[in-house]
Each structure stands twice: as structure tokens, then as C-alpha cells.
Amino acid sequence: MTLGSGGTAADFDIVLRHGRVVDGTGNPASFADVAVKDGRIAVVGRVEGQAKSELDLRGLVLAPGFIDVHTHVDELAEQPLAENFIRMGVTTVVTGNCGESAPDVRRFFADIERTGVTLNTATLVGHGTVRGRVMGGSFDREPSADELARMKSEVGQAMRDGAIGMSTGLIYPPGSFARTPEIVELARVVAAHDGLYASHMRNEGREIFPALDEVFRVAREAGLRAEVSHIKLSGPASWGQADTVLGTIERARAEGLDITQDQYSYTAASTGLSQLIPDQALEGGAAEFARRLADPASKADLIAGMKRILDRGGRTNYAYAVIAFCKHDQTLNGLNVVEAARARRGSDTLDDQIETILDIELRGGADGVFHGINEQDLQTFLRHPNTMIASDSSVRRFGQGVPHPRGYGNNARVLGRYVRELKVLRLEDAIRKMTSLPAATFRLEGRGQLRPGAWADLVAFDPATIRDTATYNDPHHYPEGIPLVLVNGVPVVKDGQVTGARPGRPLPHGSPL
């Protein structure tokens, strides 16, 4: 990729020449020049006239910037470069997923606008965040009429402030204690603002079908679009049912529901290690959890429950669960629970593993990586035309802990492994899943297509060399083969290096083009 200067009387800010254009719609790639002016795509095709700068993209694919609809970047103002995202070609993100969001949407947008960030950013309002604030620490119950009214008011305010919808995290307290009618009532508020419902469902393993039915019920009764977050089949006991899951979703669509799904391209999940502990043990907060552990009968019931859950998942130990970041004891980072029990207690029996999990939670908890997804199921979900590519990542602090590699390599992995190497997807279809499909689903106007008039969010990559380099054991590596990324017409990555520019914008729901 080479850079040249145009004449003084410039017609365009940047002209990108000789690239192989994949426009995001699924149409076949074609060779064309692309001109950018005032942050937008001005011309696609034969470009005549002068530009302030020109880039030769010979040998590279030029596509719309990737849109990641499932992220956790609520602290973006504190890490505004978001290097792990822009280096894998992501130019727009949706945060506030899994029921957890910034508590004040207006302030969230104001903070990132004041700070200046690299990414365009939209947000959902988190059901769990709202429920936690309103219900005062007592969660294993239905809300009172007054509490439900306050929750509806808060969701409504978030939507007026620009949230694009509401998310739930129904495996995480306090959301896990919510009954379906509560979610429907809040979703009706979202529907009144033409918002979307995104759900980390109640179960992604053996009970996935009742969990899907709940998503369908919310969509049907509230009258809104719904997104199944990070679709998967967790644990050996549930593997091999991907076609049945997709068939269930397709039947719901045939009945008139607007259901889509997103997915990351790895066979491991990531969340807090606390997910290995039954919700009832965590209800009421840290002090109540400590009290239950101090009571021999309560602790015995808890341990028995953990063993039953492990058995139902078709597992005999916790070797599948790896500690990604343990703040109070970073020597455990990168060890699975069996290894951590051996290091901590000198024994790796199942009881010692459970004691290790409980002790870590008692001391403040830890993040984990959980290996439990079947590769063939992953590929089946990936092929479906309504599956979007999303990382489920936060902004990474380079070198900290042993986090899931998806935060560094998700999009590059799809293009390198599943397009070039395994040929699971056509290049044009993979790009559509990262661009126009998420833009249309989440109503991100002016994004996701490479066409005149659209915002100039663009990524250039080498289809022969693009690949993810982050691994589970050594995740802090950026992908290869992505030399150029533009956000709103401004290079944020050039010649493979971060420029430091921060042209990203807040994307409140209903904002004009």
C-alpha cells in the first residue's frame, strides 16, 4: 500500500485506488476506486479529479468497516483508542449487552464524545443494570408494582436518551431471577421506541429450547425484533443440535417473528467464574454469599448442587474452565480450575476444585474462559444467513491477564480460517455478516455498505494473509493482514499502525444520517 499526494485544488480528501471492493451486500466483489470526502463515500467506480491523498490498494480487499453488535465497552471513555477492535477492522460497536450497561445513556454518550474515541458506538440499556438499581439487593422475587413502574420509567428514559434497545443476561443475577412477564413489560417500552431486544438466554445447553421459547414469547407479546446473543450449544450433553436450533428459529420467523442471531468464531465462551455457582447462592451479594458458606448445611447443599450441574452438562471435572484474570491472585491466570486447585490446595479432587471456585468468589471473583463448544455446531451456526459476527469482547488492556482471544482476532479468524482455509463461507457472505446485516438489524443508518453517501467506515485487508494470531494461552497479539482502517473518513490504522486519531461518534437511536 503506497501513499501519494494530489494537487492543491482537491476534489476529495482520500482516493483509494485499485482495491477489490466487497460492498457488504453479498454482491460479487469488483475492482473499483473509492473516493472519500467530508467523512462520507463520494464515488465508487472510476474516480477522476484530485485528492489530498491517494492510497494504492492493489492486492487488497476494500470493505465496509466491520460492525460488532455484541461488545462490552461501557468504559470506552477510559480506553478511547480501543486498539484491539480497530486493528481487526471493527469501526462500529454495540455495547450494553448481556443485561449490563452504563447506568446513564445520556452521560455515556456525552463522555465518549467529550473524550474522543476511535469507534462509532451505540448502546443497549441493560435489564440487569436497571433491575439491580431499582430492587435494592433483594432479587429472588417479582418486582412490586411500584418497582416495575420505576423500571419501565428507567428503560423509557434510556430509550429517549438514545439506547437502541434492551438487553437481558438471564444467567446472571439479578436478571436470572426475573420472570418472563417482567421482561415482556419492559420490552413493550422498548417496542414503543422501535427498539430491539437482545438476549443472553436463560440456557445455552440442554435447556436451550425452552430458553428460545422465552425469547419468542417476549418478541411476540411485546411486538419487537429480537436478537439471540452469541448463539451456541454449551457442553457435550447438548452438542449436535445446531440444525434443530436453527430450525426452531426459522419456524418462529415463519410465524411472523423477526429473530436473528450473532456468534463469535471460537469454541470457548468467556464470563465470570461465578457462573459455576448456582444463582441462589449469590443472591443478596457478597455478605450473604459469605454467610451461606459459613453455614455447614447451606454449604453442603451448594456443593451438591454444583456437582449436579456438572453432571447434567456431561462433565466430571472443571478442567474446561480456565481462569482468565484473578485480581487477588494473578498467579492463577491461565490455569484451569483443576490446575488452580492443585496449586492452591495441593489436591485436585472434585471437592478441592469446588472449594477453589468458592474461595475465588469469596475473595472478589475472577474472569474465566470456558471450553465447551463443538466445532461442527459452530460452523453450522456460522453458515446460516442471519448469523452476524460479534466478539462479545471488552476493550482489552494489552498484556493484562489471559483473556479470551476473540477480543483480538474474531473478525480476522472468520476471514482467515473460515473463508480462506476451510471455505465454510464465501468472502462476500462473510463480509455481509460483519457489515450490512448488523447495520440493518440494529438500524445503524448510513453504515455497513460501501456505496456513495454512506459514512466512510472502511477496512482494507489482504485476503491471502489475514489471520488471527491470538491464542488461548497467549492472547495478547493483534491480527495480521489489515493495513488500513478508516472511521468516518479518517485513518485510524494506516500501514498496520494505529494513527491515534479519534474520529468515532456516538450513535444514539433515531439520530439523523
Protein backbone atom coordinates (compact mmCIF):
# COMPACT_ATOMS: atom_id res chain seq x y z
CA MET A 1 0.00 0.00 0.00
CA THR A 2 1.53 3.31 -1.07
CA LEU A 3 0.59 6.88 -0.28
CA GLY A 4 0.69 9.79 -2.69
CA SER A 5 -0.40 13.43 -2.70
CA GLY A 6 -2.83 15.04 -5.10
CA GLY A 7 -2.96 18.59 -6.37
CA THR A 8 -3.71 21.63 -4.27
CA ALA A 9 -7.28 22.08 -5.52
CA ALA A 10 -8.54 18.78 -4.09
CA ASP A 11 -11.90 17.37 -5.10
CA PHE A 12 -11.67 14.62 -2.46
CA ASP A 13 -9.99 14.02 0.87
CA ILE A 14 -8.80 10.49 0.05
CA VAL A 15 -8.94 8.29 -3.03
CA LEU A 16 -8.42 4.55 -2.57
CA ARG A 17 -7.36 3.03 -5.86
CA HIS A 18 -7.18 -0.46 -7.38
CA GLY A 19 -8.86 -2.27 -4.48
CA ARG A 20 -11.11 -5.28 -4.83
CA VAL A 21 -14.36 -3.87 -3.49
CA VAL A 22 -16.73 -6.05 -1.45
CA ASP A 23 -19.66 -3.74 -0.79
CA GLY A 24 -21.25 -5.56 2.17
CA THR A 25 -24.49 -6.60 0.49
CA GLY A 26 -23.32 -10.06 -0.56
CA ASN A 27 -22.86 -8.97 -4.18
CA PRO A 28 -19.79 -10.29 -6.00
CA ALA A 29 -16.54 -8.41 -5.48
CA SER A 30 -15.44 -5.99 -8.19
CA PHE A 31 -12.43 -3.79 -8.83
CA ALA A 32 -13.10 -0.09 -8.31
CA ASP A 33 -11.68 3.12 -6.94
CA VAL A 34 -13.32 4.75 -3.93
CA ALA A 35 -13.28 8.46 -3.17
CA VAL A 36 -13.93 9.93 0.27
CA LYS A 37 -14.98 13.49 1.09
CA ASP A 38 -16.17 15.05 4.35
CA GLY A 39 -16.34 11.71 6.10
CA ARG A 40 -18.51 10.00 3.50
CA ILE A 41 -18.04 7.86 0.44
CA ALA A 42 -18.35 10.17 -2.56
CA VAL A 43 -17.66 7.90 -5.55
CA VAL A 44 -17.35 4.16 -6.15
CA GLY A 45 -16.07 3.21 -9.60
CA ARG A 46 -13.92 5.35 -11.86
CA VAL A 47 -12.65 8.32 -9.88
CA GLU A 48 -11.38 11.37 -11.68
CA GLY A 49 -10.17 14.55 -10.05
CA GLN A 50 -7.66 15.43 -7.38
CA ALA A 51 -7.40 14.24 -3.79
CA LYS A 52 -5.47 15.43 -0.77
CA SER A 53 -4.04 11.91 -0.59
CA GLU A 54 -4.26 8.68 -2.52
CA LEU A 55 -3.69 5.11 -1.42
CA ASP A 56 -2.91 2.23 -3.74
CA LEU A 57 -4.78 -0.87 -2.53
CA ARG A 58 -3.54 -3.23 -5.20
CA GLY A 59 -3.85 -6.81 -3.89
CA LEU A 60 -6.18 -5.81 -1.06
CA VAL A 61 -9.90 -6.21 -0.45
CA LEU A 62 -11.72 -3.00 0.46
CA ALA A 63 -14.90 -3.49 2.51
CA PRO A 64 -17.18 -1.53 4.82
CA GLY A 65 -15.82 -1.29 8.35
CA PHE A 66 -16.92 -4.22 10.47
CA ILE A 67 -19.84 -3.73 12.87
CA ASP A 68 -19.62 -5.70 16.12
CA VAL A 69 -23.10 -5.85 17.66
CA HIS A 70 -22.14 -7.70 20.83
CA THR A 71 -19.50 -5.93 22.88
CA HIS A 72 -18.92 -4.77 26.44
CA VAL A 73 -17.22 -1.38 26.01
CA ASP A 74 -19.18 0.58 28.62
CA GLU A 75 -15.84 2.03 29.84
CA LEU A 76 -14.79 3.15 26.35
CA ALA A 77 -14.13 6.72 27.51
CA GLU A 78 -11.37 5.34 29.75
CA GLN A 79 -9.72 3.39 26.87
CA PRO A 80 -10.62 5.52 23.85
CA LEU A 81 -8.22 4.02 21.29
CA ALA A 82 -9.91 0.59 21.55
CA GLU A 83 -6.91 -0.80 19.71
CA ASN A 84 -7.98 -4.43 19.82
CA PHE A 85 -11.15 -3.55 17.89
CA ILE A 86 -9.80 -1.20 15.23
CA ARG A 87 -6.85 -3.50 14.48
CA MET A 88 -9.28 -6.24 13.49
CA GLY A 89 -11.23 -3.88 11.26
CA VAL A 90 -14.10 -3.04 13.61
CA THR A 91 -15.32 0.54 13.16
CA THR A 92 -18.71 0.42 14.93
CA VAL A 93 -19.77 -1.38 18.10
CA VAL A 94 -22.96 -2.02 20.05
CA THR A 95 -22.38 -2.18 23.80
CA GLY A 96 -24.67 -2.69 26.81
CA ASN A 97 -25.13 -6.40 26.15
CA CYS A 98 -25.98 -9.32 28.45
CA GLY A 99 -28.17 -7.16 30.68
CA GLU A 100 -25.35 -4.86 31.77
CA SER A 101 -24.95 -1.31 30.50
CA ALA A 102 -23.84 2.13 31.50
CA PRO A 103 -26.41 3.34 34.06
CA ASP A 104 -26.96 6.68 32.29
CA VAL A 105 -27.13 6.51 28.49
CA ARG A 106 -27.04 10.27 28.02
CA ARG A 107 -23.90 10.57 30.16
CA PHE A 108 -22.30 7.59 28.39
CA PHE A 109 -22.66 9.29 25.02
CA ALA A 110 -21.51 12.64 26.43
CA ASP A 111 -18.40 11.06 27.97
CA ILE A 112 -17.25 9.37 24.77
CA GLU A 113 -17.98 12.49 22.72
CA ARG A 114 -16.02 14.66 25.14
CA THR A 115 -13.09 12.23 25.32
CA GLY A 116 -12.96 11.39 21.62
CA VAL A 117 -12.80 7.71 20.67
CA THR A 118 -11.83 5.65 17.64
CA LEU A 119 -15.11 3.75 17.33
CA ASN A 120 -18.67 4.63 16.40
CA THR A 121 -20.71 3.43 19.37
CA ALA A 122 -24.33 2.52 20.01
CA THR A 123 -25.68 1.08 23.24
CA LEU A 124 -28.47 -1.06 24.61
CA VAL A 125 -29.93 -0.48 28.05
CA GLY A 126 -29.20 -3.40 30.36
CA HIS A 127 -32.18 -5.01 32.08
CA GLY A 128 -29.91 -6.29 34.84
CA THR A 129 -28.49 -2.82 35.43
CA VAL A 130 -31.98 -1.34 35.75
CA ARG A 131 -33.29 -4.21 37.90
CA GLY A 132 -30.28 -4.05 40.19
CA ARG A 133 -30.71 -0.34 40.79
CA VAL A 134 -34.46 -0.50 41.43
CA MET A 135 -34.85 -3.65 43.53
CA GLY A 136 -32.44 -2.81 46.31
CA GLY A 137 -30.42 -6.01 46.58
CA SER A 138 -33.39 -8.36 47.01
CA PHE A 139 -33.69 -10.06 43.65
CA ASP A 140 -35.15 -13.56 44.01
CA ARG A 141 -38.72 -12.31 43.70
CA GLU A 142 -41.07 -10.46 41.40
CA PRO A 143 -40.90 -6.67 41.50
CA SER A 144 -43.66 -4.77 43.26
CA ALA A 145 -46.00 -2.69 41.13
CA ASP A 146 -44.05 0.42 42.10
CA GLU A 147 -40.71 -1.21 41.29
CA LEU A 148 -41.95 -2.38 37.90
CA ALA A 149 -43.21 1.12 37.15
CA ARG A 150 -39.81 2.57 38.07
CA MET A 151 -38.04 0.01 35.89
CA LYS A 152 -40.29 0.88 32.95
CA SER A 153 -39.60 4.56 33.52
CA GLU A 154 -35.83 3.99 33.53
CA VAL A 155 -35.96 1.90 30.36
CA GLY A 156 -38.11 4.55 28.71
CA GLN A 157 -35.66 7.28 29.69
CA ALA A 158 -32.75 5.26 28.32
CA MET A 159 -34.58 4.82 25.03
CA ARG A 160 -35.30 8.57 24.83
CA ASP A 161 -31.62 9.20 25.54
CA GLY A 162 -30.63 7.09 22.54
CA ALA A 163 -30.44 3.41 23.51
CA ILE A 164 -31.20 1.21 20.51
CA GLY A 165 -32.91 -1.45 22.59
CA MET A 166 -32.72 -3.52 25.75
CA SER A 167 -30.54 -6.48 26.60
CA THR A 168 -31.00 -9.26 29.12
CA GLY A 169 -28.47 -11.52 30.77
CA LEU A 170 -30.70 -14.28 32.08
CA ILE A 171 -27.91 -16.40 33.54
CA TYR A 172 -26.61 -13.51 35.66
CA PRO A 173 -28.10 -12.15 38.85
CA PRO A 174 -30.19 -10.04 39.13
CA GLY A 175 -31.62 -10.81 35.67
CA SER A 176 -31.66 -14.55 36.27
CA PHE A 177 -34.36 -14.07 38.91
CA ALA A 178 -36.68 -12.15 36.58
CA ARG A 179 -39.83 -13.90 35.36
CA THR A 180 -40.86 -13.64 31.73
CA PRO A 181 -43.83 -11.27 32.28
CA GLU A 182 -41.46 -8.69 33.79
CA ILE A 183 -39.26 -8.83 30.70
CA VAL A 184 -42.29 -8.55 28.41
CA GLU A 185 -43.49 -5.43 30.21
CA LEU A 186 -40.11 -3.73 29.82
CA ALA A 187 -39.80 -4.91 26.21
CA ARG A 188 -43.11 -3.19 25.44
CA VAL A 189 -41.49 0.09 26.45
CA VAL A 190 -38.63 -0.67 24.08
CA ALA A 191 -41.05 -1.55 21.28
CA ALA A 192 -42.77 1.82 21.65
CA HIS A 193 -39.46 3.38 20.61
CA ASP A 194 -38.87 0.90 17.76
CA GLY A 195 -36.05 -0.71 19.71
CA LEU A 196 -34.62 -4.22 19.65
CA TYR A 197 -34.47 -6.92 22.34
CA ALA A 198 -31.11 -8.74 22.62
CA SER A 199 -30.97 -11.70 24.96
CA HIS A 200 -28.25 -13.74 26.56
CA MET A 201 -30.77 -16.51 27.08
CA ARG A 202 -31.50 -18.45 30.24
CA ASN A 203 -29.80 -21.55 28.91
CA GLU A 204 -27.45 -22.35 26.02
CA GLY A 205 -27.10 -26.04 26.77
CA ARG A 206 -29.55 -28.86 27.42
CA GLU A 207 -32.42 -26.44 28.13
CA ILE A 208 -31.85 -24.24 25.09
CA PHE A 209 -35.28 -24.86 23.53
CA PRO A 210 -37.31 -23.52 26.48
CA ALA A 211 -34.88 -20.59 26.53
CA LEU A 212 -35.57 -19.90 22.86
CA ASP A 213 -39.30 -20.14 23.52
CA GLU A 214 -38.92 -17.37 26.10
CA VAL A 215 -37.18 -15.13 23.54
CA PHE A 216 -40.00 -15.80 21.08
CA ARG A 217 -42.63 -15.04 23.73
CA VAL A 218 -41.04 -11.69 24.54
CA ALA A 219 -40.82 -10.79 20.85
CA ARG A 220 -44.41 -11.88 20.21
CA GLU A 221 -46.10 -10.30 23.22
CA ALA A 222 -44.09 -7.07 23.16
CA GLY A 223 -44.14 -6.78 19.38
CA LEU A 224 -40.46 -6.15 18.69
CA ARG A 225 -37.40 -7.56 16.96
CA ALA A 226 -35.23 -9.97 18.94
CA GLU A 227 -31.59 -10.98 18.77
CA VAL A 228 -30.20 -14.24 20.19
CA SER A 229 -26.84 -13.23 21.63
CA HIS A 230 -23.74 -15.35 20.93
CA ILE A 231 -25.68 -18.40 19.74
CA LYS A 232 -24.07 -21.67 20.80
CA LEU A 233 -24.61 -25.13 22.27
CA SER A 234 -22.64 -25.33 25.52
CA GLY A 235 -21.36 -28.61 26.89
CA PRO A 236 -21.03 -32.10 25.42
CA ALA A 237 -24.54 -33.09 26.53
CA SER A 238 -26.05 -30.55 24.11
CA TRP A 239 -23.76 -30.91 21.08
CA GLY A 240 -25.05 -31.87 17.65
CA GLN A 241 -28.33 -29.94 17.73
CA ALA A 242 -27.37 -26.83 15.77
CA ASP A 243 -29.64 -27.66 12.83
CA THR A 244 -32.56 -28.21 15.21
CA VAL A 245 -31.89 -24.90 16.96
CA LEU A 246 -31.80 -23.05 13.66
CA GLY A 247 -34.94 -24.85 12.50
CA THR A 248 -36.71 -23.70 15.66
CA ILE A 249 -35.71 -20.10 14.94
CA GLU A 250 -36.79 -20.41 11.32
CA ARG A 251 -40.22 -21.66 12.37
CA ALA A 252 -40.59 -18.64 14.64
CA ARG A 253 -39.66 -16.38 11.73
CA ALA A 254 -42.20 -18.14 9.50
CA GLU A 255 -44.82 -17.38 12.15
CA GLY A 256 -44.07 -13.67 11.82
CA LEU A 257 -41.34 -13.03 14.40
CA ASP A 258 -38.19 -11.11 13.49
CA ILE A 259 -35.44 -13.20 15.13
CA THR A 260 -31.74 -13.02 14.28
CA GLN A 261 -28.55 -14.16 15.99
CA ASP A 262 -24.88 -13.31 16.46
CA GLN A 263 -21.85 -15.52 17.09
CA TYR A 264 -18.15 -15.43 17.86
CA SER A 265 -15.79 -17.72 15.94
CA TYR A 266 -14.28 -19.74 18.80
CA THR A 267 -15.14 -22.95 20.63
CA ALA A 268 -14.88 -21.39 24.09
CA ALA A 269 -17.02 -18.88 25.94
CA SER A 270 -15.96 -16.28 28.46
CA THR A 271 -17.66 -14.80 31.51
CA GLY A 272 -17.19 -14.60 35.26
CA LEU A 273 -16.10 -17.73 37.12
CA SER A 274 -19.14 -17.11 39.30
CA GLN A 275 -21.25 -18.78 36.59
CA LEU A 276 -20.08 -22.10 38.01
CA ILE A 277 -22.00 -21.26 41.22
CA PRO A 278 -25.84 -21.52 41.42
CA ASP A 279 -27.55 -18.12 41.39
CA GLN A 280 -29.36 -18.73 44.67
CA ALA A 281 -26.02 -18.89 46.47
CA LEU A 282 -25.07 -15.45 45.13
CA GLU A 283 -28.41 -13.72 45.76
CA GLY A 284 -28.10 -10.84 48.20
CA GLY A 285 -24.48 -10.02 47.43
CA ALA A 286 -21.07 -10.85 48.86
CA ALA A 287 -22.05 -10.74 52.53
CA GLU A 288 -24.92 -13.18 52.05
CA PHE A 289 -22.67 -15.47 49.97
CA ALA A 290 -20.10 -15.49 52.80
CA ARG A 291 -22.83 -16.24 55.34
CA ARG A 292 -24.04 -19.24 53.31
CA LEU A 293 -20.50 -20.63 53.06
CA ALA A 294 -20.08 -20.26 56.82
CA ASP A 295 -23.17 -22.40 57.44
CA PRO A 296 -22.22 -26.10 57.05
CA ALA A 297 -25.67 -27.21 55.87
CA SER A 298 -26.02 -24.41 53.32
CA LYS A 299 -22.51 -25.04 52.02
CA ALA A 300 -23.15 -28.77 51.68
CA ASP A 301 -26.32 -28.08 49.68
CA LEU A 302 -24.39 -25.65 47.47
CA ILE A 303 -21.62 -28.17 46.77
CA ALA A 304 -24.15 -30.89 45.99
CA GLY A 305 -25.90 -28.53 43.58
CA MET A 306 -22.64 -27.71 41.79
CA LYS A 307 -21.94 -31.40 41.34
CA ARG A 308 -25.40 -31.97 39.89
CA ILE A 309 -24.94 -29.12 37.39
CA LEU A 310 -21.58 -30.52 36.35
CA ASP A 311 -23.06 -33.97 35.84
CA ARG A 312 -26.01 -32.66 33.81
CA GLY A 313 -23.55 -30.97 31.48
CA GLY A 314 -21.81 -34.30 30.77
CA ARG A 315 -18.63 -33.39 32.65
CA THR A 316 -16.70 -34.95 35.51
CA ASN A 317 -14.45 -32.01 36.49
CA TYR A 318 -13.79 -28.31 35.87
CA ALA A 319 -10.81 -28.68 33.53
CA TYR A 320 -12.85 -26.90 30.83
CA ALA A 321 -12.90 -23.68 32.93
CA VAL A 322 -9.75 -21.54 32.71
CA ILE A 323 -9.05 -18.54 34.95
CA ALA A 324 -8.53 -15.54 32.68
CA PHE A 325 -7.96 -12.83 35.28
CA CYS A 326 -7.99 -13.17 39.06
CA LYS A 327 -7.24 -9.78 40.56
CA HIS A 328 -6.40 -11.01 44.07
CA ASP A 329 -4.09 -13.83 42.89
CA GLN A 330 -2.70 -13.34 39.40
CA THR A 331 -0.55 -16.47 39.69
CA LEU A 332 -3.77 -18.33 38.84
CA ASN A 333 -4.20 -16.55 35.49
CA GLY A 334 -4.11 -19.07 32.65
CA LEU A 335 -4.67 -22.13 34.88
CA ASN A 336 -7.78 -24.25 34.57
CA VAL A 337 -9.69 -24.94 37.77
CA VAL A 338 -8.13 -28.39 38.18
CA GLU A 339 -4.65 -26.86 37.94
CA ALA A 340 -5.64 -23.99 40.23
CA ALA A 341 -6.92 -26.44 42.88
CA ARG A 342 -3.65 -28.33 42.71
CA ALA A 343 -1.68 -25.07 43.07
CA ARG A 344 -3.85 -23.67 45.85
CA ARG A 345 -4.72 -26.78 47.85
CA GLY A 346 -2.19 -29.40 46.82
CA SER A 347 -5.01 -31.62 45.56
CA ASP A 348 -7.25 -31.62 42.51
CA THR A 349 -10.18 -33.75 43.66
CA LEU A 350 -13.61 -32.50 42.64
CA ASP A 351 -14.21 -31.26 46.18
CA ASP A 352 -10.94 -29.33 46.07
CA GLN A 353 -11.90 -27.83 42.70
CA ILE A 354 -15.22 -26.65 44.12
CA GLU A 355 -13.53 -25.24 47.22
CA THR A 356 -11.16 -23.33 44.93
CA ILE A 357 -14.05 -21.86 42.93
CA LEU A 358 -15.88 -20.82 46.10
CA ASP A 359 -12.76 -19.29 47.64
CA ILE A 360 -12.02 -17.27 44.50
CA GLU A 361 -15.57 -15.91 44.51
CA LEU A 362 -15.34 -15.13 48.21
CA ARG A 363 -12.20 -13.07 47.54
CA GLY A 364 -13.72 -10.99 44.77
CA GLY A 365 -14.16 -13.39 41.87
CA ALA A 366 -12.37 -13.89 38.58
CA ASP A 367 -12.99 -13.86 34.85
CA GLY A 368 -12.94 -17.20 33.06
CA VAL A 369 -12.68 -18.86 29.66
CA PHE A 370 -14.92 -21.92 29.28
CA HIS A 371 -14.15 -24.56 26.64
CA GLY A 372 -17.35 -26.30 25.67
CA ILE A 373 -18.49 -25.62 22.09
CA ASN A 374 -18.42 -28.16 19.28
CA GLU A 375 -16.64 -27.08 16.08
CA GLN A 376 -19.27 -28.57 13.78
CA ASP A 377 -22.06 -26.78 15.65
CA LEU A 378 -20.08 -23.56 15.36
CA GLN A 379 -19.76 -23.98 11.59
CA THR A 380 -23.47 -24.81 11.21
CA PHE A 381 -24.47 -21.62 13.02
CA LEU A 382 -21.88 -19.65 11.03
CA ARG A 383 -23.32 -20.72 7.67
CA HIS A 384 -26.81 -19.50 8.47
CA PRO A 385 -27.59 -16.31 6.52
CA ASN A 386 -28.96 -14.49 9.58
CA THR A 387 -25.90 -15.04 11.80
CA MET A 388 -23.80 -11.94 12.47
CA ILE A 389 -20.17 -11.97 13.56
CA ALA A 390 -19.69 -10.44 17.03
CA SER A 391 -16.83 -10.72 19.51
CA ASP A 392 -18.52 -10.47 22.95
CA SER A 393 -15.38 -8.57 23.98
CA SER A 394 -14.44 -5.58 26.05
CA VAL A 395 -11.63 -3.16 25.24
CA ARG A 396 -8.52 -5.16 26.05
CA ARG A 397 -5.74 -3.84 28.26
CA PHE A 398 -2.74 -5.16 26.38
CA GLY A 399 -0.78 -7.71 28.42
CA GLN A 400 -3.26 -7.92 31.32
CA GLY A 401 -4.40 -11.41 32.29
CA VAL A 402 -5.09 -14.28 29.92
CA PRO A 403 -8.39 -13.18 28.33
CA HIS A 404 -10.34 -14.86 25.56
CA PRO A 405 -8.54 -14.35 22.21
CA ARG A 406 -11.79 -13.32 20.50
CA GLY A 407 -11.19 -9.75 21.64
CA TYR A 408 -8.12 -9.58 19.41
CA GLY A 409 -8.89 -11.85 16.48
CA ASN A 410 -12.59 -12.55 15.95
CA ASN A 411 -13.13 -10.95 12.53
CA ALA A 412 -9.71 -11.91 11.22
CA ARG A 413 -10.33 -15.50 12.29
CA VAL A 414 -13.51 -15.68 10.23
CA LEU A 415 -11.76 -14.31 7.13
CA GLY A 416 -8.61 -16.38 7.54
CA ARG A 417 -9.85 -19.70 8.91
CA TYR A 418 -13.48 -19.98 7.83
CA VAL A 419 -13.26 -18.21 4.46
CA ARG A 420 -9.76 -18.84 3.11
CA GLU A 421 -8.73 -22.08 4.78
CA LEU A 422 -11.91 -24.08 5.43
CA LYS A 423 -14.14 -22.40 2.82
CA VAL A 424 -17.14 -22.53 5.16
CA LEU A 425 -18.21 -19.11 3.83
CA ARG A 426 -17.78 -17.14 0.62
CA LEU A 427 -15.81 -13.94 1.18
CA GLU A 428 -18.78 -11.80 0.18
CA ASP A 429 -21.10 -13.63 2.58
CA ALA A 430 -18.66 -13.31 5.47
CA ILE A 431 -18.36 -9.55 4.88
CA ARG A 432 -22.15 -9.20 4.76
CA LYS A 433 -22.35 -10.87 8.20
CA MET A 434 -19.97 -8.22 9.54
CA THR A 435 -21.44 -5.16 7.80
CA SER A 436 -24.84 -4.72 6.14
CA LEU A 437 -26.61 -7.47 8.13
CA PRO A 438 -25.78 -5.98 11.55
CA ALA A 439 -26.39 -2.44 10.26
CA ALA A 440 -29.86 -3.37 9.01
CA THR A 441 -30.75 -5.44 12.08
CA PHE A 442 -29.71 -2.79 14.61
CA ARG A 443 -30.89 0.13 12.42
CA LEU A 444 -27.46 1.76 12.13
CA GLU A 445 -28.30 4.12 9.30
CA GLY A 446 -25.57 5.03 6.83
CA ARG A 447 -23.27 2.22 7.98
CA GLY A 448 -22.49 -1.25 6.73
CA GLN A 449 -22.38 -0.71 2.96
CA LEU A 450 -19.72 0.59 0.63
CA ARG A 451 -21.81 2.94 -1.51
CA PRO A 452 -21.93 6.64 -2.33
CA GLY A 453 -23.44 8.65 0.51
CA ALA A 454 -22.62 6.15 3.26
CA TRP A 455 -20.23 7.03 6.01
CA ALA A 456 -16.64 6.20 5.06
CA ASP A 457 -16.08 3.43 7.60
CA LEU A 458 -13.71 1.23 5.60
CA VAL A 459 -11.26 -1.62 6.08
CA ALA A 460 -8.63 -2.87 3.65
CA PHE A 461 -7.16 -6.35 4.17
CA ASP A 462 -5.06 -8.90 2.35
CA PRO A 463 -7.26 -11.96 1.72
CA ALA A 464 -4.17 -14.15 1.30
CA THR A 465 -2.58 -13.31 4.66
CA ILE A 466 -5.26 -12.10 7.05
CA ARG A 467 -5.31 -14.25 10.17
CA ASP A 468 -5.77 -14.14 13.91
CA THR A 469 -2.58 -14.58 15.93
CA ALA A 470 -4.06 -14.50 19.44
CA THR A 471 -4.34 -17.90 21.14
CA TYR A 472 -5.97 -19.12 24.35
CA ASN A 473 -2.61 -19.48 26.06
CA ASP A 474 -1.08 -16.32 24.56
CA PRO A 475 -3.91 -13.96 23.63
CA HIS A 476 -2.26 -10.54 23.53
CA HIS A 477 -1.49 -10.40 19.81
CA TYR A 478 -3.13 -8.32 17.11
CA PRO A 479 -4.19 -9.93 13.81
CA GLU A 480 -2.14 -9.81 10.64
CA GLY A 481 -3.12 -8.63 7.17
CA ILE A 482 -5.16 -5.50 7.98
CA PRO A 483 -3.09 -2.46 6.93
CA LEU A 484 -5.80 0.19 6.69
CA VAL A 485 -8.92 1.14 8.68
CA LEU A 486 -10.92 4.36 8.27
CA VAL A 487 -13.62 5.64 10.62
CA ASN A 488 -15.79 8.43 9.25
CA GLY A 489 -13.21 9.02 6.53
CA VAL A 490 -10.23 9.31 8.89
CA PRO A 491 -7.47 6.66 9.03
CA VAL A 492 -7.26 5.10 12.49
CA VAL A 493 -4.95 2.33 11.24
CA LYS A 494 -2.52 3.08 8.40
CA ASP A 495 0.27 0.81 7.18
CA GLY A 496 -0.74 -1.51 10.00
CA GLN A 497 -0.10 1.07 12.72
CA VAL A 498 -2.57 2.93 14.93
CA THR A 499 -2.60 6.62 14.00
CA GLY A 500 -4.01 7.97 17.26
CA ALA A 501 -6.91 9.70 15.52
CA ARG A 502 -10.25 9.54 17.35
CA PRO A 503 -12.99 10.22 14.78
CA GLY A 504 -15.60 7.87 16.26
CA ARG A 505 -19.08 9.13 17.10
CA PRO A 506 -21.91 8.24 19.45
CA LEU A 507 -24.79 6.62 17.54
CA PRO A 508 -27.94 7.33 19.54
CA HIS A 509 -31.08 5.60 18.32
CA GLY A 510 -33.01 7.71 15.86
CA SER A 511 -30.12 10.08 15.13
CA PRO A 512 -30.11 11.53 11.60
CA LEU A 513 -27.80 10.29 8.87
